[in-house]
Amino acid sequence: MASRLFEKYKSEIKPVLETEFPKNKTLTAKLEKVVISVGAGEAMKDSKLIQNIEDTISLIAGQRAVKVIAKKSVAGFKVREGMPVGVKVTLRGEQMYHFLDKLCNVALPRVKDFRGLNKNGFDGRGNFNFGLDEQLMFPEVVYDNIIKTHGMNISITTSSTNDAESFRLLELVGIPFTKGRA
């Protein structure tokens, strides 16, 4: 069963992008992956907290999250090689479209005083990054099961090579951006 957002991309968004950015049809911008990551600085020594973060991110993404392990020891941060330093999950295909649909239509509207995502999150190569302050905006998260609230970084990778085309794609997908210049 194809996602509603994927069907919208094929039928509505792709033709608009092909007319606005005329070039080879195979080079039309499309979503490649979404990476959700959480840095667990204070949770490095607490295995229950890392496991709770991993379970929460897995629940939000609909796919099993993995622990990120430190490759090198850094004395200044009291990090030793092999310690868990965060959690991440990479979504592609069907699950990516389901997550973006849920993010745009359910989670972001639940944020208090939300005015849109900052347009400055583009990296110059067509990828968009933004952070969320807490995980409680997602409907799957049960407040009683959370040991500690944490934020997350969401990185959306597109096949576009410039920010203008990528911005237009994400705007058509339904990502709410701030109005005005910034």
C-alpha atoms as a PDB file:
ATOM      1  CA  MET A   1       0.000   0.000   0.000  1.00  0.00           C
ATOM      2  CA  ALA A   2       1.549   3.266  -1.127  1.00  0.00           C
ATOM      3  CA  SER A   3       1.639   6.269   1.141  1.00  0.00           C
ATOM      4  CA  ARG A   4      -0.727   9.176   0.534  1.00  0.00           C
ATOM      5  CA  LEU A   5       2.250  11.553   0.381  1.00  0.00           C
ATOM      6  CA  PHE A   6       4.071   9.373  -2.177  1.00  0.00           C
ATOM      7  CA  GLU A   7       0.979   9.309  -4.393  1.00  0.00           C
ATOM      8  CA  LYS A   8       0.733  13.092  -4.066  1.00  0.00           C
ATOM      9  CA  TYR A   9       4.404  13.380  -5.087  1.00  0.00           C
ATOM     10  CA  LYS A  10       3.889  11.290  -8.227  1.00  0.00           C
ATOM     11  CA  SER A  11       0.628  12.927  -9.319  1.00  0.00           C
ATOM     12  CA  GLU A  12       0.961  16.577  -8.211  1.00  0.00           C
ATOM     13  CA  ILE A  13       4.415  17.579  -6.966  1.00  0.00           C
ATOM     14  CA  LYS A  14       6.634  16.028  -9.642  1.00  0.00           C
ATOM     15  CA  PRO A  15       4.803  17.698 -12.592  1.00  0.00           C
ATOM     16  CA  VAL A  16       5.036  21.094 -10.855  1.00  0.00           C
ATOM     17  CA  LEU A  17       8.778  20.669 -10.286  1.00  0.00           C
ATOM     18  CA  GLU A  18       9.293  19.561 -13.895  1.00  0.00           C
ATOM     19  CA  THR A  19       7.670  22.776 -15.176  1.00  0.00           C
ATOM     20  CA  GLU A  20       9.354  25.122 -12.664  1.00  0.00           C
ATOM     21  CA  PHE A  21      12.837  23.616 -13.067  1.00  0.00           C
ATOM     22  CA  PRO A  22      12.924  22.365 -16.660  1.00  0.00           C
ATOM     23  CA  LYS A  23      15.708  19.860 -17.281  1.00  0.00           C
ATOM     24  CA  ASN A  24      16.048  16.131 -17.708  1.00  0.00           C
ATOM     25  CA  LYS A  25      12.996  14.451 -16.115  1.00  0.00           C
ATOM     26  CA  THR A  26      15.176  11.904 -14.335  1.00  0.00           C
ATOM     27  CA  LEU A  27      16.924  14.759 -12.507  1.00  0.00           C
ATOM     28  CA  THR A  28      13.696  16.073 -10.960  1.00  0.00           C
ATOM     29  CA  ALA A  29      14.170  16.559  -7.225  1.00  0.00           C
ATOM     30  CA  LYS A  30      12.872  13.814  -4.967  1.00  0.00           C
ATOM     31  CA  LEU A  31      13.200  12.806  -1.337  1.00  0.00           C
ATOM     32  CA  GLU A  32      15.973  10.286  -0.690  1.00  0.00           C
ATOM     33  CA  LYS A  33      16.081   9.767   3.074  1.00  0.00           C
ATOM     34  CA  VAL A  34      15.226  11.199   6.472  1.00  0.00           C
ATOM     35  CA  VAL A  35      17.624  10.738   9.394  1.00  0.00           C
ATOM     36  CA  ILE A  36      16.410  11.238  12.962  1.00  0.00           C
ATOM     37  CA  SER A  37      19.224  11.520  15.488  1.00  0.00           C
ATOM     38  CA  VAL A  38      19.555  12.239  19.199  1.00  0.00           C
ATOM     39  CA  GLY A  39      22.804  13.109  20.918  1.00  0.00           C
ATOM     40  CA  ALA A  40      22.788  11.603  24.381  1.00  0.00           C
ATOM     41  CA  GLY A  41      25.513  13.561  26.152  1.00  0.00           C
ATOM     42  CA  GLU A  42      24.344  13.210  29.752  1.00  0.00           C
ATOM     43  CA  ALA A  43      22.942   9.728  29.124  1.00  0.00           C
ATOM     44  CA  MET A  44      26.273   8.111  28.211  1.00  0.00           C
ATOM     45  CA  LYS A  45      26.743   6.547  31.615  1.00  0.00           C
ATOM     46  CA  ASP A  46      23.083   5.601  32.153  1.00  0.00           C
ATOM     47  CA  SER A  47      22.192   2.566  30.033  1.00  0.00           C
ATOM     48  CA  LYS A  48      18.490   2.757  31.000  1.00  0.00           C
ATOM     49  CA  LEU A  49      18.243   6.315  29.668  1.00  0.00           C
ATOM     50  CA  ILE A  50      19.966   5.377  26.389  1.00  0.00           C
ATOM     51  CA  GLN A  51      17.599   2.412  26.026  1.00  0.00           C
ATOM     52  CA  ASN A  52      14.605   4.682  26.746  1.00  0.00           C
ATOM     53  CA  ILE A  53      15.769   7.165  24.066  1.00  0.00           C
ATOM     54  CA  GLU A  54      16.294   4.303  21.606  1.00  0.00           C
ATOM     55  CA  ASP A  55      12.795   2.915  22.295  1.00  0.00           C
ATOM     56  CA  THR A  56      11.204   6.367  21.956  1.00  0.00           C
ATOM     57  CA  ILE A  57      12.901   7.131  18.628  1.00  0.00           C
ATOM     58  CA  SER A  58      11.998   3.646  17.342  1.00  0.00           C
ATOM     59  CA  LEU A  59       8.372   4.276  18.279  1.00  0.00           C
ATOM     60  CA  ILE A  60       8.336   7.682  16.562  1.00  0.00           C
ATOM     61  CA  ALA A  61      10.052   6.466  13.391  1.00  0.00           C
ATOM     62  CA  GLY A  62       8.299   3.115  13.072  1.00  0.00           C
ATOM     63  CA  GLN A  63      11.663   1.454  12.527  1.00  0.00           C
ATOM     64  CA  ARG A  64      14.299   0.171  14.960  1.00  0.00           C
ATOM     65  CA  ALA A  65      16.808   2.847  16.001  1.00  0.00           C
ATOM     66  CA  VAL A  66      20.498   2.060  16.530  1.00  0.00           C
ATOM     67  CA  LYS A  67      22.918   3.273  19.167  1.00  0.00           C
ATOM     68  CA  VAL A  68      25.800   5.406  17.901  1.00  0.00           C
ATOM     69  CA  ILE A  69      29.069   4.286  19.458  1.00  0.00           C
ATOM     70  CA  ALA A  70      32.078   6.588  20.006  1.00  0.00           C
ATOM     71  CA  LYS A  71      34.913   5.726  17.612  1.00  0.00           C
ATOM     72  CA  LYS A  72      37.568   7.630  19.550  1.00  0.00           C
ATOM     73  CA  SER A  73      38.164   8.604  23.148  1.00  0.00           C
ATOM     74  CA  VAL A  74      37.875  12.338  23.880  1.00  0.00           C
ATOM     75  CA  ALA A  75      39.164  13.240  27.336  1.00  0.00           C
ATOM     76  CA  GLY A  76      37.652  16.746  27.302  1.00  0.00           C
ATOM     77  CA  PHE A  77      34.146  15.303  26.974  1.00  0.00           C
ATOM     78  CA  LYS A  78      34.849  12.286  29.211  1.00  0.00           C
ATOM     79  CA  VAL A  79      34.042   9.975  26.306  1.00  0.00           C
ATOM     80  CA  ARG A  80      35.752   6.624  25.934  1.00  0.00           C
ATOM     81  CA  GLU A  81      35.957   4.553  22.791  1.00  0.00           C
ATOM     82  CA  GLY A  82      32.982   2.194  22.593  1.00  0.00           C
ATOM     83  CA  MET A  83      30.613   4.278  24.757  1.00  0.00           C
ATOM     84  CA  PRO A  84      27.138   4.990  23.349  1.00  0.00           C
ATOM     85  CA  VAL A  85      26.935   8.703  22.452  1.00  0.00           C
ATOM     86  CA  GLY A  86      23.573   8.864  20.707  1.00  0.00           C
ATOM     87  CA  VAL A  87      20.777   7.178  18.803  1.00  0.00           C
ATOM     88  CA  LYS A  88      19.807   7.448  15.141  1.00  0.00           C
ATOM     89  CA  VAL A  89      17.447   5.968  12.591  1.00  0.00           C
ATOM     90  CA  THR A  90      17.483   6.342   8.799  1.00  0.00           C
ATOM     91  CA  LEU A  91      14.155   6.198   6.974  1.00  0.00           C
ATOM     92  CA  ARG A  92      13.784   5.563   3.259  1.00  0.00           C
ATOM     93  CA  GLY A  93      10.914   4.757   0.920  1.00  0.00           C
ATOM     94  CA  GLU A  94       7.500   4.046   2.384  1.00  0.00           C
ATOM     95  CA  GLN A  95       8.440   4.692   6.021  1.00  0.00           C
ATOM     96  CA  MET A  96      10.051   8.023   5.105  1.00  0.00           C
ATOM     97  CA  TYR A  97       6.836   9.258   3.484  1.00  0.00           C
ATOM     98  CA  HIS A  98       4.729   8.047   6.428  1.00  0.00           C
ATOM     99  CA  PHE A  99       7.017   9.843   8.885  1.00  0.00           C
ATOM    100  CA  LEU A 100       6.995  13.132   6.927  1.00  0.00           C
ATOM    101  CA  ASP A 101       3.213  12.977   6.611  1.00  0.00           C
ATOM    102  CA  LYS A 102       2.890  12.449  10.378  1.00  0.00           C
ATOM    103  CA  LEU A 103       5.456  15.182  11.110  1.00  0.00           C
ATOM    104  CA  CYS A 104       3.735  17.826   8.953  1.00  0.00           C
ATOM    105  CA  ASN A 105       0.112  17.014   9.729  1.00  0.00           C
ATOM    106  CA  VAL A 106       0.163  15.791  13.330  1.00  0.00           C
ATOM    107  CA  ALA A 107       3.363  16.562  15.262  1.00  0.00           C
ATOM    108  CA  LEU A 108       4.340  20.094  14.198  1.00  0.00           C
ATOM    109  CA  PRO A 109       0.802  21.524  14.611  1.00  0.00           C
ATOM    110  CA  ARG A 110       0.893  20.305  18.239  1.00  0.00           C
ATOM    111  CA  VAL A 111       3.898  22.522  19.062  1.00  0.00           C
ATOM    112  CA  LYS A 112       2.911  25.533  21.153  1.00  0.00           C
ATOM    113  CA  ASP A 113       3.442  28.903  19.375  1.00  0.00           C
ATOM    114  CA  PHE A 114       4.774  27.188  16.262  1.00  0.00           C
ATOM    115  CA  ARG A 115       5.346  29.644  13.419  1.00  0.00           C
ATOM    116  CA  GLY A 116       7.145  27.356  10.983  1.00  0.00           C
ATOM    117  CA  LEU A 117      10.606  25.933  10.432  1.00  0.00           C
ATOM    118  CA  ASN A 118      13.495  28.288   9.739  1.00  0.00           C
ATOM    119  CA  LYS A 119      14.497  28.478   6.071  1.00  0.00           C
ATOM    120  CA  ASN A 120      18.161  28.784   7.060  1.00  0.00           C
ATOM    121  CA  GLY A 121      18.366  25.028   7.660  1.00  0.00           C
ATOM    122  CA  PHE A 122      19.511  24.318   4.087  1.00  0.00           C
ATOM    123  CA  ASP A 123      23.150  23.320   3.660  1.00  0.00           C
ATOM    124  CA  GLY A 124      23.799  24.570   0.113  1.00  0.00           C
ATOM    125  CA  ARG A 125      23.504  21.106  -1.446  1.00  0.00           C
ATOM    126  CA  GLY A 126      19.761  20.634  -1.232  1.00  0.00           C
ATOM    127  CA  ASN A 127      19.552  19.032   2.217  1.00  0.00           C
ATOM    128  CA  PHE A 128      17.461  20.457   5.062  1.00  0.00           C
ATOM    129  CA  ASN A 129      18.208  20.110   8.789  1.00  0.00           C
ATOM    130  CA  PHE A 130      16.174  21.212  11.779  1.00  0.00           C
ATOM    131  CA  GLY A 131      15.847  20.377  15.433  1.00  0.00           C
ATOM    132  CA  LEU A 132      12.902  19.708  17.705  1.00  0.00           C
ATOM    133  CA  ASP A 133      13.029  20.525  21.411  1.00  0.00           C
ATOM    134  CA  GLU A 134      11.127  17.532  22.725  1.00  0.00           C
ATOM    135  CA  GLN A 135       9.645  14.231  21.623  1.00  0.00           C
ATOM    136  CA  LEU A 136       6.263  14.666  23.310  1.00  0.00           C
ATOM    137  CA  MET A 137       4.600  16.216  20.232  1.00  0.00           C
ATOM    138  CA  PHE A 138       4.380  12.815  18.540  1.00  0.00           C
ATOM    139  CA  PRO A 139       1.165  10.927  19.313  1.00  0.00           C
ATOM    140  CA  GLU A 140       2.911   7.550  19.852  1.00  0.00           C
ATOM    141  CA  VAL A 141       4.930   8.824  22.807  1.00  0.00           C
ATOM    142  CA  VAL A 142       3.376   8.088  26.190  1.00  0.00           C
ATOM    143  CA  TYR A 143       4.426  10.700  28.749  1.00  0.00           C
ATOM    144  CA  ASP A 144       4.542   8.196  31.617  1.00  0.00           C
ATOM    145  CA  ASN A 145       7.112   6.024  29.812  1.00  0.00           C
ATOM    146  CA  ILE A 146       9.607   8.882  29.361  1.00  0.00           C
ATOM    147  CA  ILE A 147      12.513   9.032  31.805  1.00  0.00           C
ATOM    148  CA  LYS A 148      13.794  12.386  30.506  1.00  0.00           C
ATOM    149  CA  THR A 149      12.605  14.630  27.677  1.00  0.00           C
ATOM    150  CA  HIS A 150      15.089  15.144  24.868  1.00  0.00           C
ATOM    151  CA  GLY A 151      15.240  16.872  21.538  1.00  0.00           C
ATOM    152  CA  MET A 152      16.120  15.443  18.164  1.00  0.00           C
ATOM    153  CA  ASN A 153      17.721  16.511  14.926  1.00  0.00           C
ATOM    154  CA  ILE A 154      15.919  15.691  11.684  1.00  0.00           C
ATOM    155  CA  SER A 155      17.844  15.766   8.433  1.00  0.00           C
ATOM    156  CA  ILE A 156      15.956  15.537   5.120  1.00  0.00           C
ATOM    157  CA  THR A 157      18.124  14.560   2.150  1.00  0.00           C
ATOM    158  CA  THR A 158      16.906  15.292  -1.373  1.00  0.00           C
ATOM    159  CA  SER A 159      18.328  14.421  -4.788  1.00  0.00           C
ATOM    160  CA  SER A 160      18.488  18.126  -5.656  1.00  0.00           C
ATOM    161  CA  THR A 161      21.856  19.866  -5.848  1.00  0.00           C
ATOM    162  CA  ASN A 162      20.638  23.375  -5.001  1.00  0.00           C
ATOM    163  CA  ASP A 163      18.623  24.900  -2.190  1.00  0.00           C
ATOM    164  CA  ALA A 164      15.986  26.622  -4.336  1.00  0.00           C
ATOM    165  CA  GLU A 165      14.778  23.392  -5.906  1.00  0.00           C
ATOM    166  CA  SER A 166      14.962  21.544  -2.598  1.00  0.00           C
ATOM    167  CA  PHE A 167      13.017  24.317  -0.825  1.00  0.00           C
ATOM    168  CA  ARG A 168      10.270  24.168  -3.451  1.00  0.00           C
ATOM    169  CA  LEU A 169      10.067  20.367  -3.148  1.00  0.00           C
ATOM    170  CA  LEU A 170       9.741  20.481   0.645  1.00  0.00           C
ATOM    171  CA  GLU A 171       7.237  23.327   0.434  1.00  0.00           C
ATOM    172  CA  LEU A 172       5.065  21.274  -1.927  1.00  0.00           C
ATOM    173  CA  VAL A 173       5.413  18.201   0.303  1.00  0.00           C
ATOM    174  CA  GLY A 174       3.911  20.243   3.139  1.00  0.00           C
ATOM    175  CA  ILE A 175       6.837  21.214   5.377  1.00  0.00           C
ATOM    176  CA  PRO A 176       5.698  24.447   7.105  1.00  0.00           C
ATOM    177  CA  PHE A 177       8.337  27.166   6.712  1.00  0.00           C
ATOM    178  CA  THR A 178       8.344  30.571   8.386  1.00  0.00           C
ATOM    179  CA  LYS A 179       6.880  33.423   6.412  1.00  0.00           C
ATOM    180  CA  GLY A 180       8.984  36.448   5.509  1.00  0.00           C
ATOM    181  CA  ARG A 181      12.670  36.912   4.839  1.00  0.00           C
ATOM    182  CA  ALA A 182      14.376  34.747   7.471  1.00  0.00           C
END
